[in-house]
């Protein structure tokens, strides 16, 4: 498979993922963005273009100096994509959404605590919420990096959700899971009482997740 063909496939995968996010109601209009590590840089969705208008050629190729190639401009959030890729060798894909329940909690400035064991799917005992910063700024990127430390997802204060993964497929799946968790937590909050799991239990779940879904060792 040629490098060019691989890039074309990756661009189409990004378009398909953007459409899935839209069809699942996790993004609306031109909100949110997707980034994928590629070569010595990364591909990112363009600014201001709804998913149903995107084609593979609209994806913007960027380097780690912030320079880009192509007819379109990159998402205004390119800084946190660049910085996450630069600091996390385990991350090959980033999904950012303004999904309803994650954004609701983000606007409340709430972490998602260990109300359910599946919170551990995001990599820790909780899903952190960063402080607010203006979209597209370096400060927002700095806050996101801090909230994502040893995690695969975080909320952005008064903004939305970031999910990272080793592949776009994994990042999309975790995005769906985290939005579901945020909905469940929001609903529990409406009842007025939250029963949290202990740190010890969450550490046990995190350990069990290391082999979750993997073939049994012979």
N, C-alpha and C. Protein backbone atom coordinates (compact mmCIF):
# COMPACT_ATOMS: atom_id res chain seq x y z
N UNK A 1 0.84 -1.19 0.00
CA UNK A 1 0.00 0.00 0.00
C UNK A 1 0.88 1.24 0.00
N UNK A 2 0.65 2.15 -0.91
CA UNK A 2 1.49 3.34 -1.01
C UNK A 2 1.17 4.31 0.11
N UNK A 3 2.14 5.22 0.39
CA UNK A 3 1.94 6.23 1.43
C UNK A 3 0.77 7.13 1.08
N UNK A 4 0.64 7.45 -0.24
CA UNK A 4 -0.44 8.32 -0.67
C UNK A 4 -1.79 7.67 -0.44
N UNK A 5 -1.89 6.38 -0.80
CA UNK A 5 -3.14 5.66 -0.61
C UNK A 5 -3.49 5.58 0.87
N UNK A 6 -2.48 5.37 1.74
CA UNK A 6 -2.70 5.33 3.18
C UNK A 6 -3.24 6.66 3.68
N UNK A 7 -2.70 7.73 3.16
CA UNK A 7 -3.17 9.05 3.57
C UNK A 7 -4.60 9.27 3.11
N UNK A 8 -4.93 8.86 1.91
CA UNK A 8 -6.29 9.00 1.41
C UNK A 8 -7.28 8.22 2.28
N UNK A 9 -6.88 7.03 2.68
CA UNK A 9 -7.74 6.22 3.53
C UNK A 9 -7.96 6.89 4.89
N UNK A 10 -6.89 7.45 5.43
CA UNK A 10 -6.97 8.11 6.73
C UNK A 10 -7.87 9.34 6.65
N UNK A 11 -7.74 10.10 5.58
CA UNK A 11 -8.60 11.28 5.40
C UNK A 11 -10.07 10.87 5.33
N UNK A 12 -10.36 9.78 4.62
CA UNK A 12 -11.74 9.33 4.51
C UNK A 12 -12.25 8.81 5.85
N UNK A 13 -11.37 8.15 6.60
CA UNK A 13 -11.76 7.67 7.92
C UNK A 13 -12.13 8.84 8.82
N UNK A 14 -11.43 9.95 8.70
CA UNK A 14 -11.75 11.13 9.49
C UNK A 14 -13.11 11.69 9.10
N UNK A 15 -13.39 11.73 7.82
CA UNK A 15 -14.71 12.19 7.35
C UNK A 15 -15.80 11.27 7.89
N UNK A 16 -15.58 9.96 7.77
CA UNK A 16 -16.58 9.00 8.25
C UNK A 16 -16.82 9.16 9.75
N UNK A 17 -15.75 9.40 10.50
CA UNK A 17 -15.88 9.56 11.95
C UNK A 17 -16.63 10.85 12.28
N UNK A 18 -16.34 11.91 11.56
CA UNK A 18 -17.06 13.17 11.77
C UNK A 18 -18.56 12.98 11.51
N UNK A 19 -18.89 12.22 10.48
CA UNK A 19 -20.30 11.93 10.18
C UNK A 19 -20.94 11.10 11.28
N UNK A 20 -20.20 10.13 11.80
CA UNK A 20 -20.74 9.32 12.90
C UNK A 20 -20.99 10.17 14.13
N UNK A 21 -20.08 11.06 14.45
CA UNK A 21 -20.28 11.95 15.59
C UNK A 21 -21.53 12.79 15.41
N UNK A 22 -21.73 13.27 14.20
CA UNK A 22 -22.92 14.07 13.91
C UNK A 22 -24.18 13.22 13.97
N UNK A 23 -24.15 12.04 13.37
CA UNK A 23 -25.33 11.17 13.35
C UNK A 23 -25.72 10.68 14.74
N UNK A 24 -24.72 10.54 15.63
CA UNK A 24 -24.99 10.12 17.00
C UNK A 24 -25.39 11.29 17.89
N UNK A 25 -25.42 12.49 17.34
CA UNK A 25 -25.78 13.67 18.11
C UNK A 25 -24.69 14.17 19.04
N UNK A 26 -23.44 13.71 18.83
CA UNK A 26 -22.34 14.11 19.68
C UNK A 26 -21.73 15.44 19.25
N UNK A 27 -21.92 15.80 18.00
CA UNK A 27 -21.57 17.12 17.48
C UNK A 27 -22.71 17.60 16.59
N UNK A 28 -22.84 18.91 16.50
CA UNK A 28 -23.87 19.49 15.64
C UNK A 28 -23.23 20.59 14.80
N UNK A 29 -23.66 20.68 13.55
CA UNK A 29 -23.11 21.72 12.68
C UNK A 29 -21.61 21.56 12.53
N UNK A 30 -20.90 22.67 12.73
CA UNK A 30 -19.44 22.66 12.56
C UNK A 30 -18.72 22.57 13.90
N UNK A 31 -19.42 22.19 14.97
CA UNK A 31 -18.77 22.11 16.28
C UNK A 31 -17.86 20.89 16.36
N UNK A 32 -16.87 20.98 17.24
CA UNK A 32 -15.96 19.88 17.46
C UNK A 32 -14.93 19.71 16.36
N UNK A 33 -14.02 18.76 16.54
CA UNK A 33 -12.97 18.52 15.55
C UNK A 33 -12.32 17.16 15.82
N UNK A 34 -11.54 16.72 14.83
CA UNK A 34 -10.85 15.43 14.89
C UNK A 34 -9.42 15.63 14.42
N UNK A 35 -8.49 14.96 15.09
CA UNK A 35 -7.10 14.98 14.66
C UNK A 35 -6.52 13.58 14.66
N UNK A 36 -5.63 13.30 13.70
CA UNK A 36 -4.98 11.98 13.60
C UNK A 36 -3.50 12.19 13.30
N UNK A 37 -2.65 11.50 14.06
CA UNK A 37 -1.22 11.57 13.80
C UNK A 37 -0.93 11.01 12.41
N UNK A 38 -0.06 11.70 11.66
CA UNK A 38 0.30 11.21 10.33
C UNK A 38 1.71 11.66 9.98
N UNK A 39 2.57 10.70 9.66
CA UNK A 39 3.94 11.03 9.29
C UNK A 39 4.63 11.80 10.39
N UNK A 40 5.26 12.92 10.03
CA UNK A 40 5.95 13.75 11.01
C UNK A 40 5.06 14.86 11.54
N UNK A 41 3.77 14.79 11.24
CA UNK A 41 2.83 15.80 11.72
C UNK A 41 1.49 15.18 12.03
N UNK A 42 0.42 15.87 11.65
CA UNK A 42 -0.92 15.33 11.91
C UNK A 42 -1.93 15.95 10.95
N UNK A 43 -3.03 15.23 10.76
CA UNK A 43 -4.16 15.72 9.99
C UNK A 43 -5.24 16.19 10.95
N UNK A 44 -5.92 17.27 10.60
CA UNK A 44 -6.98 17.81 11.45
C UNK A 44 -8.13 18.29 10.57
N UNK A 45 -9.33 18.22 11.10
CA UNK A 45 -10.49 18.70 10.36
C UNK A 45 -10.41 20.21 10.19
N UNK A 46 -10.99 20.74 9.11
CA UNK A 46 -10.91 22.18 8.84
C UNK A 46 -11.85 22.98 9.72
N UNK A 47 -11.60 24.26 9.79
CA UNK A 47 -12.44 25.14 10.58
C UNK A 47 -13.75 25.45 9.86
N UNK A 48 -14.83 25.49 10.63
CA UNK A 48 -16.11 26.01 10.14
C UNK A 48 -16.81 25.19 9.08
N UNK A 49 -16.51 23.89 8.95
CA UNK A 49 -17.12 23.09 7.90
C UNK A 49 -17.92 21.94 8.54
N UNK A 50 -19.23 21.89 8.34
CA UNK A 50 -20.04 20.79 8.90
C UNK A 50 -19.61 19.45 8.34
N UNK A 51 -19.82 18.40 9.11
CA UNK A 51 -19.39 17.06 8.70
C UNK A 51 -20.01 16.63 7.39
N UNK A 52 -21.27 16.98 7.16
CA UNK A 52 -21.93 16.51 5.93
C UNK A 52 -21.48 17.26 4.68
N UNK A 53 -20.59 18.23 4.84
CA UNK A 53 -20.01 18.93 3.69
C UNK A 53 -18.55 18.58 3.47
N UNK A 54 -17.97 17.77 4.34
CA UNK A 54 -16.55 17.44 4.27
C UNK A 54 -16.27 16.34 3.26
N UNK A 55 -15.10 16.44 2.62
CA UNK A 55 -14.53 15.35 1.84
C UNK A 55 -13.09 15.17 2.30
N UNK A 56 -12.49 14.06 1.91
CA UNK A 56 -11.15 13.76 2.38
C UNK A 56 -10.15 14.87 2.13
N UNK A 57 -10.27 15.52 0.97
CA UNK A 57 -9.32 16.57 0.62
C UNK A 57 -9.42 17.80 1.49
N UNK A 58 -10.48 17.91 2.30
CA UNK A 58 -10.63 19.06 3.19
C UNK A 58 -9.79 18.94 4.45
N UNK A 59 -9.35 17.71 4.78
CA UNK A 59 -8.53 17.54 5.98
C UNK A 59 -7.22 18.31 5.82
N UNK A 60 -6.77 18.93 6.89
CA UNK A 60 -5.62 19.83 6.83
C UNK A 60 -4.39 19.14 7.42
N UNK A 61 -3.31 19.10 6.65
CA UNK A 61 -2.06 18.52 7.11
C UNK A 61 -1.24 19.60 7.82
N UNK A 62 -0.83 19.31 9.06
CA UNK A 62 -0.07 20.29 9.85
C UNK A 62 1.23 19.68 10.35
N UNK A 63 2.21 20.55 10.62
CA UNK A 63 3.43 20.10 11.29
C UNK A 63 3.43 20.64 12.72
N UNK A 64 4.42 20.24 13.48
CA UNK A 64 4.44 20.61 14.89
C UNK A 64 4.91 22.04 15.13
N UNK A 65 5.24 22.75 14.06
CA UNK A 65 5.55 24.19 14.17
C UNK A 65 4.30 25.04 13.96
N UNK A 66 3.16 24.37 13.68
CA UNK A 66 1.92 25.11 13.49
C UNK A 66 1.67 25.51 12.05
N UNK A 67 2.50 25.06 11.13
CA UNK A 67 2.31 25.36 9.72
C UNK A 67 1.37 24.32 9.11
N UNK A 68 0.59 24.75 8.11
CA UNK A 68 -0.35 23.81 7.51
C UNK A 68 -0.31 23.89 5.99
N UNK A 69 -0.78 22.80 5.37
CA UNK A 69 -0.86 22.70 3.92
C UNK A 69 -2.31 22.46 3.52
N UNK A 70 -2.66 22.90 2.32
CA UNK A 70 -4.00 22.65 1.81
C UNK A 70 -4.78 23.94 1.61
N UNK A 71 -5.93 23.79 0.96
CA UNK A 71 -6.74 24.96 0.62
C UNK A 71 -7.50 25.51 1.82
N UNK A 72 -7.77 24.67 2.81
CA UNK A 72 -8.56 25.11 3.96
C UNK A 72 -7.69 25.39 5.17
N UNK A 73 -8.23 26.18 6.09
CA UNK A 73 -7.54 26.47 7.34
C UNK A 73 -7.90 25.40 8.37
N UNK A 74 -6.97 25.11 9.28
CA UNK A 74 -7.25 24.07 10.28
C UNK A 74 -8.24 24.55 11.34
N UNK A 75 -8.81 23.60 12.05
CA UNK A 75 -9.63 23.94 13.20
C UNK A 75 -8.91 24.93 14.11
N UNK A 76 -9.67 25.81 14.71
CA UNK A 76 -9.07 26.79 15.62
C UNK A 76 -8.46 26.11 16.84
N UNK A 77 -8.80 24.85 17.09
CA UNK A 77 -8.29 24.13 18.24
C UNK A 77 -7.02 23.34 17.94
N UNK A 78 -6.34 23.66 16.84
CA UNK A 78 -5.18 22.88 16.43
C UNK A 78 -4.09 22.84 17.49
N UNK A 79 -4.03 23.84 18.35
CA UNK A 79 -2.95 23.88 19.35
C UNK A 79 -3.02 22.71 20.32
N UNK A 80 -4.23 22.37 20.80
CA UNK A 80 -4.24 21.25 21.74
C UNK A 80 -4.04 19.91 21.01
N UNK A 81 -4.40 19.83 19.75
CA UNK A 81 -4.07 18.63 18.98
C UNK A 81 -2.55 18.49 18.87
N UNK A 82 -1.89 19.55 18.46
CA UNK A 82 -0.43 19.53 18.33
C UNK A 82 0.23 19.16 19.65
N UNK A 83 -0.19 19.79 20.73
CA UNK A 83 0.48 19.59 22.01
C UNK A 83 0.21 18.20 22.58
N UNK A 84 -0.99 17.68 22.38
CA UNK A 84 -1.27 16.32 22.84
C UNK A 84 -0.44 15.31 22.07
N UNK A 85 -0.40 15.44 20.75
CA UNK A 85 0.42 14.52 19.96
C UNK A 85 1.90 14.62 20.34
N UNK A 86 2.37 15.84 20.60
CA UNK A 86 3.78 16.05 20.92
C UNK A 86 4.16 15.46 22.27
N UNK A 87 3.22 15.44 23.20
CA UNK A 87 3.54 15.01 24.57
C UNK A 87 3.10 13.59 24.89
N UNK A 88 2.25 12.99 24.03
CA UNK A 88 1.70 11.67 24.33
C UNK A 88 1.98 10.72 23.16
N UNK A 89 3.04 9.93 23.28
CA UNK A 89 3.38 9.00 22.21
C UNK A 89 2.35 7.88 22.06
N UNK A 90 1.52 7.67 23.11
CA UNK A 90 0.50 6.63 23.05
C UNK A 90 -0.76 7.08 22.31
N UNK A 91 -0.82 8.34 21.94
CA UNK A 91 -2.02 8.91 21.31
C UNK A 91 -1.80 9.07 19.82
N UNK A 92 -2.69 8.48 19.02
CA UNK A 92 -2.66 8.64 17.57
C UNK A 92 -3.91 9.31 17.02
N UNK A 93 -4.91 9.51 17.88
CA UNK A 93 -6.16 10.12 17.43
C UNK A 93 -6.79 10.92 18.56
N UNK A 94 -7.43 12.03 18.18
CA UNK A 94 -8.08 12.93 19.14
C UNK A 94 -9.46 13.27 18.62
N UNK A 95 -10.45 13.16 19.49
CA UNK A 95 -11.82 13.55 19.15
C UNK A 95 -12.27 14.62 20.15
N UNK A 96 -12.75 15.73 19.64
CA UNK A 96 -13.27 16.81 20.48
C UNK A 96 -14.73 17.04 20.11
N UNK A 97 -15.61 17.01 21.12
CA UNK A 97 -17.03 17.21 20.87
C UNK A 97 -17.61 18.26 21.81
N UNK A 98 -18.80 18.73 21.43
CA UNK A 98 -19.62 19.57 22.30
C UNK A 98 -20.89 18.78 22.66
N UNK A 99 -20.72 17.50 22.92
CA UNK A 99 -21.85 16.62 23.21
C UNK A 99 -22.62 17.12 24.44
N UNK A 100 -23.91 16.86 24.46
CA UNK A 100 -24.82 17.53 25.38
C UNK A 100 -24.47 17.33 26.85
N UNK A 101 -24.33 16.09 27.29
CA UNK A 101 -24.17 15.85 28.72
C UNK A 101 -22.76 16.13 29.20
N UNK A 102 -21.75 15.83 28.39
CA UNK A 102 -20.39 16.19 28.75
C UNK A 102 -20.26 17.71 28.86
N UNK A 103 -20.86 18.42 27.93
CA UNK A 103 -20.79 19.88 27.95
C UNK A 103 -21.58 20.45 29.12
N UNK A 104 -22.72 19.83 29.46
CA UNK A 104 -23.49 20.26 30.61
C UNK A 104 -22.65 20.22 31.88
N UNK A 105 -21.98 19.08 32.11
CA UNK A 105 -21.12 18.97 33.30
C UNK A 105 -19.94 19.92 33.23
N UNK A 106 -19.39 20.11 32.01
CA UNK A 106 -18.28 21.04 31.85
C UNK A 106 -18.69 22.46 32.20
N UNK A 107 -19.94 22.81 31.89
CA UNK A 107 -20.44 24.14 32.22
C UNK A 107 -20.74 24.29 33.71
N UNK A 108 -20.82 23.17 34.40
CA UNK A 108 -20.96 23.18 35.85
C UNK A 108 -19.58 23.13 36.53
N UNK A 109 -18.53 22.94 35.72
CA UNK A 109 -17.18 22.84 36.26
C UNK A 109 -16.97 21.57 37.08
N UNK A 110 -17.67 20.48 36.73
CA UNK A 110 -17.64 19.26 37.52
C UNK A 110 -16.74 18.19 36.90
N UNK A 111 -15.88 17.61 37.73
CA UNK A 111 -15.25 16.34 37.36
C UNK A 111 -16.33 15.26 37.36
N UNK A 112 -16.08 14.16 36.67
CA UNK A 112 -16.94 12.99 36.77
C UNK A 112 -16.26 12.03 37.73
N UNK A 113 -16.79 11.85 38.95
CA UNK A 113 -16.14 11.00 39.95
C UNK A 113 -16.45 9.53 39.72
N UNK A 114 -16.03 8.71 40.65
CA UNK A 114 -16.19 7.26 40.52
C UNK A 114 -17.59 6.81 40.94
N UNK A 115 -18.60 7.34 40.25
CA UNK A 115 -19.97 6.94 40.53
C UNK A 115 -20.29 5.60 39.88
N UNK A 116 -19.50 5.21 38.86
CA UNK A 116 -19.69 3.96 38.12
C UNK A 116 -18.30 3.44 37.75
N UNK A 117 -18.15 2.12 37.80
CA UNK A 117 -16.82 1.57 37.54
C UNK A 117 -16.31 1.87 36.14
N UNK A 118 -17.22 2.11 35.16
CA UNK A 118 -16.78 2.36 33.79
C UNK A 118 -16.08 3.70 33.63
N UNK A 119 -16.11 4.55 34.65
CA UNK A 119 -15.30 5.77 34.62
C UNK A 119 -13.83 5.41 34.39
N UNK A 120 -13.43 4.24 34.86
CA UNK A 120 -12.04 3.79 34.69
C UNK A 120 -11.67 3.59 33.23
N UNK A 121 -12.65 3.45 32.35
CA UNK A 121 -12.35 3.31 30.92
C UNK A 121 -11.60 4.52 30.38
N UNK A 122 -11.76 5.66 31.06
CA UNK A 122 -11.07 6.88 30.65
C UNK A 122 -9.67 6.98 31.25
N UNK A 123 -9.25 5.94 31.99
CA UNK A 123 -7.86 5.86 32.40
C UNK A 123 -7.56 6.17 33.85
N UNK A 124 -8.56 6.55 34.65
CA UNK A 124 -8.28 6.89 36.04
C UNK A 124 -9.50 6.75 36.92
N UNK A 125 -9.37 7.24 38.15
CA UNK A 125 -10.45 7.16 39.12
C UNK A 125 -11.56 8.18 38.84
N UNK A 126 -11.26 9.14 37.99
CA UNK A 126 -12.23 10.19 37.66
C UNK A 126 -11.95 10.69 36.25
N UNK A 127 -12.88 11.48 35.73
CA UNK A 127 -12.67 12.22 34.49
C UNK A 127 -12.61 13.68 34.89
N UNK A 128 -11.44 14.27 34.71
CA UNK A 128 -11.23 15.64 35.20
C UNK A 128 -11.91 16.68 34.32
N UNK A 129 -12.25 17.82 34.93
CA UNK A 129 -12.73 18.99 34.19
C UNK A 129 -11.71 20.10 34.34
N UNK A 130 -11.24 20.62 33.22
CA UNK A 130 -10.24 21.68 33.27
C UNK A 130 -10.90 23.03 33.56
N UNK A 131 -10.12 24.03 33.97
CA UNK A 131 -10.65 25.39 34.06
C UNK A 131 -11.02 25.91 32.67
N UNK A 132 -11.81 26.95 32.62
CA UNK A 132 -12.19 27.56 31.34
C UNK A 132 -11.02 28.37 30.77
N UNK A 133 -10.90 28.32 29.45
CA UNK A 133 -10.01 29.21 28.70
C UNK A 133 -10.63 29.44 27.33
N UNK A 134 -10.36 30.57 26.73
CA UNK A 134 -10.92 30.92 25.43
C UNK A 134 -10.53 29.87 24.38
N UNK A 135 -11.48 29.52 23.52
CA UNK A 135 -11.22 28.49 22.51
C UNK A 135 -10.06 28.90 21.61
N UNK A 136 -9.29 27.92 21.20
CA UNK A 136 -8.19 28.15 20.26
C UNK A 136 -6.93 28.73 20.86
N UNK A 137 -6.90 28.95 22.17
CA UNK A 137 -5.74 29.59 22.79
C UNK A 137 -4.74 28.57 23.32
N UNK A 138 -3.52 29.04 23.55
CA UNK A 138 -2.50 28.18 24.15
C UNK A 138 -2.88 27.82 25.58
N UNK A 139 -3.54 28.74 26.29
CA UNK A 139 -3.95 28.46 27.65
C UNK A 139 -4.92 27.28 27.70
N UNK A 140 -5.85 27.22 26.75
CA UNK A 140 -6.77 26.09 26.69
C UNK A 140 -6.00 24.79 26.49
N UNK A 141 -5.02 24.81 25.61
CA UNK A 141 -4.20 23.62 25.38
C UNK A 141 -3.46 23.21 26.64
N UNK A 142 -2.90 24.18 27.36
CA UNK A 142 -2.18 23.88 28.60
C UNK A 142 -3.11 23.24 29.62
N UNK A 143 -4.31 23.78 29.75
CA UNK A 143 -5.28 23.22 30.69
C UNK A 143 -5.69 21.80 30.28
N UNK A 144 -5.87 21.60 28.98
CA UNK A 144 -6.27 20.27 28.48
C UNK A 144 -5.19 19.24 28.77
N UNK A 145 -3.93 19.60 28.52
CA UNK A 145 -2.83 18.67 28.78
C UNK A 145 -2.79 18.26 30.24
N UNK A 146 -3.01 19.22 31.13
CA UNK A 146 -3.00 18.92 32.56
C UNK A 146 -4.15 17.99 32.93
N UNK A 147 -5.34 18.27 32.41
CA UNK A 147 -6.51 17.45 32.73
C UNK A 147 -6.39 16.05 32.15
N UNK A 148 -5.65 15.91 31.05
CA UNK A 148 -5.48 14.61 30.39
C UNK A 148 -4.30 13.80 30.93
N UNK A 149 -3.57 14.35 31.87
CA UNK A 149 -2.42 13.61 32.38
C UNK A 149 -2.86 12.25 32.92
N UNK A 150 -2.27 11.19 32.41
CA UNK A 150 -2.60 9.79 32.76
C UNK A 150 -4.06 9.46 32.51
N UNK A 151 -4.71 10.16 31.59
CA UNK A 151 -6.12 9.93 31.27
C UNK A 151 -6.29 9.86 29.75
N UNK A 152 -7.43 9.30 29.33
CA UNK A 152 -7.79 9.26 27.91
C UNK A 152 -8.96 10.18 27.59
N UNK A 153 -9.46 10.89 28.58
CA UNK A 153 -10.58 11.82 28.35
C UNK A 153 -10.57 12.89 29.42
N UNK A 154 -11.06 14.06 29.05
CA UNK A 154 -11.26 15.13 30.02
C UNK A 154 -12.38 16.04 29.53
N UNK A 155 -12.97 16.76 30.46
CA UNK A 155 -13.92 17.81 30.12
C UNK A 155 -13.16 19.13 30.07
N UNK A 156 -13.58 20.01 29.19
CA UNK A 156 -13.04 21.36 29.09
C UNK A 156 -14.05 22.32 29.70
N UNK A 157 -13.67 23.03 30.72
CA UNK A 157 -14.59 23.89 31.43
C UNK A 157 -15.37 24.81 30.51
N UNK A 158 -16.70 24.83 30.67
CA UNK A 158 -17.60 25.68 29.87
C UNK A 158 -17.38 25.51 28.37
N UNK A 159 -17.07 24.27 27.96
CA UNK A 159 -16.70 24.08 26.55
C UNK A 159 -17.15 22.73 26.00
N UNK A 160 -16.57 21.63 26.47
CA UNK A 160 -16.92 20.34 25.86
C UNK A 160 -16.05 19.21 26.36
N UNK A 161 -15.71 18.28 25.45
CA UNK A 161 -15.05 17.03 25.79
C UNK A 161 -13.89 16.77 24.84
N UNK A 162 -12.78 16.26 25.39
CA UNK A 162 -11.68 15.74 24.57
C UNK A 162 -11.47 14.29 24.93
N UNK A 163 -11.35 13.44 23.90
CA UNK A 163 -11.02 12.02 24.09
C UNK A 163 -9.84 11.69 23.19
N UNK A 164 -8.90 10.92 23.72
CA UNK A 164 -7.73 10.52 22.94
C UNK A 164 -7.63 9.00 22.91
N UNK A 165 -6.93 8.48 21.90
CA UNK A 165 -6.79 7.03 21.81
C UNK A 165 -5.67 6.62 20.88
N UNK A 166 -5.38 5.33 20.89
CA UNK A 166 -4.35 4.80 20.01
C UNK A 166 -4.78 4.73 18.57
N UNK A 167 -6.09 4.80 18.34
CA UNK A 167 -6.63 4.80 16.98
C UNK A 167 -7.91 5.63 16.97
N UNK A 168 -8.34 6.01 15.79
CA UNK A 168 -9.57 6.78 15.67
C UNK A 168 -10.77 5.95 16.10
N UNK A 169 -10.75 4.66 15.78
CA UNK A 169 -11.84 3.78 16.19
C UNK A 169 -11.97 3.74 17.71
N UNK A 170 -10.85 3.62 18.40
CA UNK A 170 -10.88 3.58 19.87
C UNK A 170 -11.32 4.92 20.45
N UNK A 171 -10.84 6.00 19.88
CA UNK A 171 -11.22 7.32 20.38
C UNK A 171 -12.71 7.56 20.21
N UNK A 172 -13.27 7.13 19.08
CA UNK A 172 -14.70 7.29 18.84
C UNK A 172 -15.50 6.46 19.85
N UNK A 173 -15.09 5.20 20.06
CA UNK A 173 -15.80 4.33 20.99
C UNK A 173 -15.79 4.91 22.40
N UNK A 174 -14.65 5.44 22.82
CA UNK A 174 -14.56 6.02 24.16
C UNK A 174 -15.37 7.31 24.26
N UNK A 175 -15.44 8.07 23.18
CA UNK A 175 -16.27 9.27 23.17
C UNK A 175 -17.72 8.92 23.45
N UNK A 176 -18.21 7.87 22.80
CA UNK A 176 -19.59 7.42 23.04
C UNK A 176 -19.76 6.99 24.48
N UNK A 177 -18.79 6.25 25.01
CA UNK A 177 -18.87 5.76 26.40
C UNK A 177 -18.86 6.91 27.40
N UNK A 178 -17.97 7.88 27.20
CA UNK A 178 -17.88 9.00 28.15
C UNK A 178 -19.13 9.86 28.12
N UNK A 179 -19.68 10.09 26.94
CA UNK A 179 -20.93 10.86 26.88
C UNK A 179 -22.05 10.12 27.62
N UNK A 180 -22.09 8.79 27.49
CA UNK A 180 -23.08 8.00 28.21
C UNK A 180 -22.88 8.12 29.72
N UNK A 181 -21.63 8.05 30.17
CA UNK A 181 -21.33 8.22 31.59
C UNK A 181 -21.74 9.60 32.08
N UNK A 182 -21.49 10.61 31.28
CA UNK A 182 -21.87 11.96 31.67
C UNK A 182 -23.39 12.10 31.80
N UNK A 183 -24.12 11.45 30.91
CA UNK A 183 -25.58 11.47 31.01
C UNK A 183 -26.03 10.76 32.29
N UNK A 184 -25.45 9.60 32.56
CA UNK A 184 -25.81 8.86 33.77
C UNK A 184 -25.51 9.68 35.02
N UNK A 185 -24.33 10.31 35.07
CA UNK A 185 -23.95 11.09 36.24
C UNK A 185 -24.88 12.29 36.41
N UNK A 186 -25.20 12.96 35.31
CA UNK A 186 -26.13 14.08 35.39
C UNK A 186 -27.47 13.64 35.96
N UNK A 187 -27.94 12.48 35.52
CA UNK A 187 -29.22 11.98 36.02
C UNK A 187 -29.15 11.62 37.50
N UNK A 188 -28.03 11.03 37.92
CA UNK A 188 -27.85 10.74 39.35
C UNK A 188 -27.87 12.03 40.17
N UNK A 189 -27.23 13.07 39.65
CA UNK A 189 -27.22 14.35 40.36
C UNK A 189 -28.63 14.90 40.57
N UNK A 190 -29.51 14.62 39.61
CA UNK A 190 -30.88 15.11 39.75
C UNK A 190 -31.59 14.45 40.94
N UNK A 191 -31.17 13.23 41.28
CA UNK A 191 -31.76 12.52 42.42
C UNK A 191 -31.20 13.02 43.75
N UNK A 192 -30.07 13.73 43.68
CA UNK A 192 -29.55 14.39 44.87
C UNK A 192 -28.60 13.58 45.73
N UNK A 193 -28.31 12.35 45.37
CA UNK A 193 -27.41 11.53 46.18
C UNK A 193 -26.56 10.66 45.27
N UNK A 194 -25.24 10.69 45.47
CA UNK A 194 -24.32 9.92 44.64
C UNK A 194 -23.53 8.96 45.53
N UNK A 195 -23.59 7.70 45.20
CA UNK A 195 -22.83 6.68 45.93
C UNK A 195 -21.54 6.41 45.16
N UNK A 196 -20.41 6.87 45.69
CA UNK A 196 -19.14 6.76 44.98
C UNK A 196 -18.38 5.50 45.37
N UNK A 197 -17.69 4.92 44.40
CA UNK A 197 -16.83 3.78 44.64
C UNK A 197 -15.53 4.25 45.30
N UNK A 198 -14.93 3.37 46.07
CA UNK A 198 -13.70 3.73 46.78
C UNK A 198 -12.51 3.78 45.82
N UNK A 199 -11.44 4.44 46.25
CA UNK A 199 -10.21 4.47 45.46
C UNK A 199 -9.68 3.06 45.26
N UNK A 200 -9.78 2.23 46.29
CA UNK A 200 -9.28 0.86 46.22
C UNK A 200 -10.04 0.06 45.15
N UNK A 201 -11.36 0.24 45.10
CA UNK A 201 -12.15 -0.47 44.09
C UNK A 201 -11.80 0.02 42.69
N UNK A 202 -11.64 1.33 42.53
CA UNK A 202 -11.30 1.86 41.21
C UNK A 202 -9.92 1.40 40.77
N UNK A 203 -8.99 1.29 41.70
CA UNK A 203 -7.66 0.78 41.36
C UNK A 203 -7.75 -0.68 40.90
N UNK A 204 -8.63 -1.46 41.54
CA UNK A 204 -8.84 -2.84 41.12
C UNK A 204 -9.43 -2.89 39.71
N UNK A 205 -10.41 -2.03 39.43
CA UNK A 205 -11.01 -1.99 38.10
C UNK A 205 -9.98 -1.57 37.05
N UNK A 206 -9.18 -0.57 37.37
CA UNK A 206 -8.15 -0.12 36.45
C UNK A 206 -7.18 -1.26 36.12
N UNK A 207 -6.84 -2.05 37.12
CA UNK A 207 -5.96 -3.20 36.89
C UNK A 207 -6.63 -4.23 35.99
N UNK A 208 -7.91 -4.50 36.23
CA UNK A 208 -8.64 -5.47 35.42
C UNK A 208 -8.79 -4.99 33.98
N UNK A 209 -8.91 -3.67 33.79
CA UNK A 209 -9.06 -3.11 32.44
C UNK A 209 -7.81 -3.30 31.59
N UNK A 210 -6.66 -3.53 32.22
CA UNK A 210 -5.43 -3.71 31.46
C UNK A 210 -5.50 -4.93 30.55
N UNK A 211 -6.31 -5.92 30.95
CA UNK A 211 -6.45 -7.12 30.13
C UNK A 211 -7.84 -7.25 29.52
N UNK A 212 -8.68 -6.22 29.72
CA UNK A 212 -10.08 -6.28 29.23
C UNK A 212 -10.11 -6.31 27.71
N UNK A 213 -10.82 -7.30 27.16
CA UNK A 213 -10.96 -7.38 25.71
C UNK A 213 -9.77 -7.94 24.97
N UNK A 214 -8.74 -8.38 25.71
CA UNK A 214 -7.55 -8.94 25.07
C UNK A 214 -7.58 -10.47 25.14
N UNK A 215 -6.97 -11.13 24.17
CA UNK A 215 -6.96 -12.60 24.18
C UNK A 215 -6.30 -13.14 25.45
N UNK A 216 -6.80 -14.26 25.93
CA UNK A 216 -6.22 -14.88 27.13
C UNK A 216 -4.83 -15.40 26.81
N UNK A 217 -3.90 -15.12 27.72
CA UNK A 217 -2.52 -15.57 27.53
C UNK A 217 -2.42 -17.08 27.78
N UNK A 218 -1.75 -17.80 26.88
CA UNK A 218 -1.59 -19.23 27.02
C UNK A 218 -0.31 -19.56 27.78
